[in-house]
Amino acid sequence: MLKTTYISRETDGLILFESIDTAVTDPKLNRLKNRAKELMFNMGQVKHEELSLNIEDHCIHLKRHNGCVLLVLAEVMYPQQLAFQYLGEIQDLVQEECSKKFGTTGSVDYGSKIEMIDSPYAFQSLEKSINKVKKDYKDSNSEINVERLNKELLDINNIMRDNFELILNRDNSLNNLSGKASTLKDASKKYRDNAKKLKMSFYWKKYGTIAAIVGIFLLFIIIRVWIF
């Protein structure tokens, strides 16, 4: 069964649409929704255009489109192919909404226009249309959805499937490695600077006296030549 649907801005996770759930007091659903939002706020670390993530007994399915992230939370047994067919229809609705908001000329860059949106829930007007599509896809055993599965309209073999916790931990590991690399770089620079100072100190101790004597001798010659 499909649960919550989101549309967010890819760059910063700004929520542009959130479906209204009847089970708003379900602690488990609320927890999963919060994890979905966490993922949307960190999409910069996710490289896949389409992705399915297992989380507890549910699955998060998402795809990118025109600077947006389209995401649906579904029960883990809900067919992946149906979930992405559903997101494909949501994509069509978003495209239609962008045409209404920003125009249809070929020069319009919807991604840039979405970047300029400064308030959340800018696509909440899609609630009625999305609910209608969601109703059609909600029950995977319905006659129409069985027919959709039998037609195999969508090739899902190339869609990445992973574990939610693993992908977040992987990102954290990459961040930690980046931090360690930065620390090592700073330590290496400090070591080189100290080595230069020690080297100068060594040369000064070894040749400083000779340099001083030569300097005094040259000064004596200059004074002698200047006076005489």
Protein backbone atom coordinates (compact mmCIF):
# COMPACT_ATOMS: atom_id res chain seq x y z
CA MET A 1 0.00 0.00 0.00
CA LEU A 2 1.16 3.54 -0.75
CA LYS A 3 1.46 5.90 2.19
CA THR A 4 2.83 9.46 2.05
CA THR A 5 3.86 11.35 -1.08
CA TYR A 6 6.34 14.24 -1.12
CA ILE A 7 7.68 16.69 -3.65
CA SER A 8 10.74 18.63 -2.52
CA ARG A 9 13.39 20.88 -4.01
CA GLU A 10 16.48 18.86 -4.80
CA THR A 11 19.10 21.37 -3.67
CA ASP A 12 17.89 22.07 -0.13
CA GLY A 13 14.93 19.78 0.63
CA LEU A 14 12.30 22.54 0.70
CA ILE A 15 8.94 20.73 0.87
CA LEU A 16 6.83 21.73 -2.13
CA PHE A 17 4.08 19.15 -1.57
CA GLU A 18 3.10 16.73 1.20
CA SER A 19 0.07 14.47 1.02
CA ILE A 20 -2.36 14.67 3.93
CA ASP A 21 -2.49 11.34 5.78
CA THR A 22 -5.49 10.15 7.73
CA ALA A 23 -3.30 8.29 10.23
CA VAL A 24 -1.60 11.43 11.49
CA THR A 25 -1.38 10.04 15.04
CA ASP A 26 0.49 6.88 14.03
CA PRO A 27 3.90 7.23 15.75
CA LYS A 28 5.57 4.75 13.42
CA LEU A 29 4.34 6.51 10.28
CA ASN A 30 5.40 9.87 11.68
CA ARG A 31 8.87 8.48 12.41
CA LEU A 32 9.19 7.12 8.87
CA LYS A 33 8.02 10.43 7.43
CA ASN A 34 10.70 12.24 9.42
CA ARG A 35 13.34 9.88 8.02
CA ALA A 36 12.03 10.54 4.51
CA LYS A 37 12.40 14.28 5.11
CA GLU A 38 15.92 13.68 6.43
CA LEU A 39 16.75 11.99 3.14
CA MET A 40 15.29 14.86 1.10
CA PHE A 41 17.40 17.37 3.03
CA ASN A 42 20.51 15.35 2.11
CA MET A 43 19.83 14.64 -1.56
CA GLY A 44 23.08 16.35 -2.48
CA GLN A 45 24.85 13.25 -1.16
CA VAL A 46 22.68 10.83 -3.19
CA LYS A 47 23.92 10.35 -6.75
CA HIS A 48 21.17 8.14 -8.19
CA GLU A 49 18.40 9.55 -10.37
CA GLU A 50 16.02 6.83 -9.16
CA LEU A 51 16.34 4.95 -5.90
CA SER A 52 14.48 2.56 -3.60
CA LEU A 53 15.50 2.38 0.07
CA ASN A 54 14.30 -0.24 2.52
CA ILE A 55 13.49 1.22 5.94
CA GLU A 56 11.98 -1.03 8.61
CA ASP A 57 8.95 -2.73 7.00
CA HIS A 58 8.53 0.06 4.45
CA CYS A 59 10.34 1.32 1.38
CA ILE A 60 11.11 4.82 0.15
CA HIS A 61 10.94 5.19 -3.64
CA LEU A 62 12.21 8.42 -5.20
CA LYS A 63 13.18 9.99 -8.48
CA ARG A 64 14.60 13.33 -9.58
CA HIS A 65 12.85 15.59 -12.09
CA ASN A 66 13.50 19.23 -13.09
CA GLY A 67 15.22 20.14 -9.82
CA CYS A 68 12.58 18.32 -7.75
CA VAL A 69 12.61 15.08 -5.79
CA LEU A 70 9.45 12.99 -6.11
CA LEU A 71 9.14 10.56 -3.20
CA VAL A 72 6.60 8.04 -1.99
CA LEU A 73 6.64 5.97 1.18
CA ALA A 74 5.16 2.51 0.66
CA GLU A 75 4.91 -0.82 2.44
CA VAL A 76 7.93 -2.97 1.63
CA MET A 77 5.80 -5.57 -0.21
CA TYR A 78 4.34 -2.96 -2.55
CA PRO A 79 5.73 -3.67 -6.07
CA GLN A 80 8.64 -1.43 -7.00
CA GLN A 81 7.46 -1.25 -10.59
CA LEU A 82 4.07 0.12 -9.54
CA ALA A 83 5.71 2.66 -7.22
CA PHE A 84 7.76 4.10 -10.07
CA GLN A 85 4.81 4.09 -12.45
CA TYR A 86 3.00 6.10 -9.77
CA LEU A 87 5.93 8.53 -9.49
CA GLY A 88 5.91 8.81 -13.28
CA GLU A 89 2.32 10.04 -13.17
CA ILE A 90 3.24 12.47 -10.36
CA GLN A 91 6.05 13.70 -12.60
CA ASP A 92 3.51 14.44 -15.35
CA LEU A 93 1.40 16.43 -12.86
CA VAL A 94 4.46 18.41 -11.74
CA GLN A 95 5.36 19.13 -15.36
CA GLU A 96 1.83 20.36 -16.00
CA GLU A 97 1.92 22.54 -12.87
CA CYS A 98 5.26 24.04 -13.92
CA SER A 99 3.77 24.88 -17.31
CA LYS A 100 0.93 26.73 -15.59
CA LYS A 101 3.20 28.57 -13.15
CA PHE A 102 6.19 29.38 -15.34
CA GLY A 103 4.98 29.20 -18.94
CA THR A 104 5.49 26.74 -21.78
CA THR A 105 7.99 28.43 -24.10
CA GLY A 106 11.05 26.38 -24.99
CA SER A 107 13.36 28.84 -23.25
CA VAL A 108 11.81 28.31 -19.80
CA ASP A 109 14.14 26.44 -17.44
CA TYR A 110 11.83 24.91 -14.84
CA GLY A 111 14.77 23.88 -12.67
CA SER A 112 15.90 27.52 -12.35
CA LYS A 113 12.33 28.64 -11.66
CA ILE A 114 11.98 26.07 -8.87
CA GLU A 115 15.22 27.38 -7.34
CA MET A 116 13.53 30.80 -7.05
CA ILE A 117 10.58 29.50 -5.01
CA ASP A 118 10.89 31.09 -1.56
CA SER A 119 8.03 29.49 0.37
CA PRO A 120 7.15 25.84 1.15
CA TYR A 121 4.16 23.90 -0.24
CA ALA A 122 4.17 25.80 -3.54
CA PHE A 123 2.71 22.71 -5.27
CA GLN A 124 0.13 21.88 -2.60
CA SER A 125 -2.57 22.77 -5.13
CA LEU A 126 -1.84 19.36 -6.67
CA GLU A 127 -3.43 17.63 -3.65
CA LYS A 128 -6.66 16.70 -5.42
CA SER A 129 -4.95 15.43 -8.58
CA ILE A 130 -2.32 13.45 -6.67
CA ASN A 131 -4.95 11.90 -4.41
CA LYS A 132 -6.85 10.75 -7.48
CA VAL A 133 -3.74 9.06 -8.91
CA LYS A 134 -2.83 7.63 -5.51
CA LYS A 135 -6.28 6.08 -5.17
CA ASP A 136 -5.72 4.21 -8.44
CA TYR A 137 -2.35 2.87 -7.28
CA LYS A 138 -3.05 2.35 -3.59
CA ASP A 139 -4.04 -1.33 -3.75
CA SER A 140 -1.44 -3.34 -5.68
CA ASN A 141 -3.89 -6.26 -5.99
CA SER A 142 -6.59 -4.28 -7.76
CA GLU A 143 -7.47 -5.34 -11.29
CA ILE A 144 -6.00 -2.25 -12.93
CA ASN A 145 -2.69 -2.57 -11.05
CA VAL A 146 -2.34 -6.27 -11.80
CA GLU A 147 -2.83 -5.32 -15.44
CA ARG A 148 -0.14 -2.63 -15.13
CA LEU A 149 2.28 -5.18 -13.68
CA ASN A 150 1.52 -7.70 -16.41
CA LYS A 151 2.21 -5.12 -19.12
CA GLU A 152 5.67 -4.47 -17.64
CA LEU A 153 5.55 -0.86 -18.77
CA LEU A 154 8.64 0.11 -16.81
CA ASP A 155 12.08 -1.48 -16.71
CA ILE A 156 13.19 -1.31 -13.07
CA ASN A 157 16.32 -3.45 -13.41
CA ASN A 158 18.58 -0.39 -13.39
CA ILE A 159 16.93 1.28 -10.41
CA MET A 160 19.23 1.15 -7.39
CA ARG A 161 17.81 -0.63 -4.33
CA ASP A 162 19.57 -0.16 -1.01
CA ASN A 163 19.08 0.09 2.74
CA PHE A 164 18.19 3.49 4.19
CA GLU A 165 20.54 3.21 7.19
CA LEU A 166 23.41 1.90 5.08
CA ILE A 167 23.26 4.73 2.59
CA LEU A 168 23.19 7.34 5.37
CA ASN A 169 26.07 5.64 7.19
CA ARG A 170 27.96 5.50 3.91
CA ASP A 171 27.53 9.24 3.49
CA ASN A 172 28.63 9.82 7.08
CA SER A 173 31.71 7.65 6.45
CA LEU A 174 32.56 9.72 3.38
CA ASN A 175 32.18 12.90 5.44
CA ASN A 176 34.43 11.45 8.15
CA LEU A 177 37.03 10.47 5.58
CA SER A 178 36.88 13.97 4.14
CA GLY A 179 37.38 15.44 7.61
CA LYS A 180 40.31 13.13 8.34
CA ALA A 181 41.91 14.01 5.01
CA SER A 182 41.59 17.70 5.85
CA THR A 183 43.16 17.12 9.28
CA LEU A 184 46.05 15.17 7.75
CA LYS A 185 46.58 17.95 5.21
CA ASP A 186 46.79 20.56 7.98
CA ALA A 187 49.14 18.37 10.03
CA SER A 188 51.36 17.82 7.00
CA LYS A 189 51.59 21.59 6.36
CA LYS A 190 52.46 22.21 10.02
CA TYR A 191 55.15 19.51 9.84
CA ARG A 192 56.68 21.08 6.72
CA ASP A 193 56.73 24.53 8.35
CA ASN A 194 58.41 23.16 11.48
CA ALA A 195 60.93 21.26 9.35
CA LYS A 196 61.86 24.48 7.55
CA LYS A 197 62.38 26.27 10.87
CA LEU A 198 64.55 23.45 12.22
CA LYS A 199 66.57 23.42 9.02
CA MET A 200 67.20 27.18 9.24
CA SER A 201 68.13 26.85 12.90
CA PHE A 202 70.60 24.07 12.05
CA TYR A 203 72.28 26.10 9.32
CA TRP A 204 72.43 29.18 11.54
CA LYS A 205 74.14 27.25 14.34
CA LYS A 206 76.57 25.60 11.91
CA TYR A 207 77.50 28.60 9.80
CA GLY A 208 76.35 31.53 11.91
CA THR A 209 79.75 32.17 13.52
CA ILE A 210 81.58 32.01 10.20
CA ALA A 211 79.02 34.34 8.62
CA ALA A 212 79.44 36.80 11.49
CA ILE A 213 83.24 36.81 11.13
CA VAL A 214 83.01 37.27 7.36
CA GLY A 215 80.51 40.07 7.88
CA ILE A 216 82.76 41.88 10.35
CA PHE A 217 85.76 41.47 8.01
CA LEU A 218 83.80 42.89 5.05
CA LEU A 219 82.58 45.79 7.18
CA PHE A 220 86.17 46.50 8.24
CA ILE A 221 87.29 46.57 4.59
CA ILE A 222 84.43 48.88 3.59
CA ILE A 223 85.22 51.31 6.41
CA ARG A 224 88.93 51.22 5.58
CA VAL A 225 88.29 51.92 1.89
CA TRP A 226 85.77 54.67 2.75
CA ILE A 227 88.19 56.44 5.15
CA PHE A 228 91.36 56.06 3.13
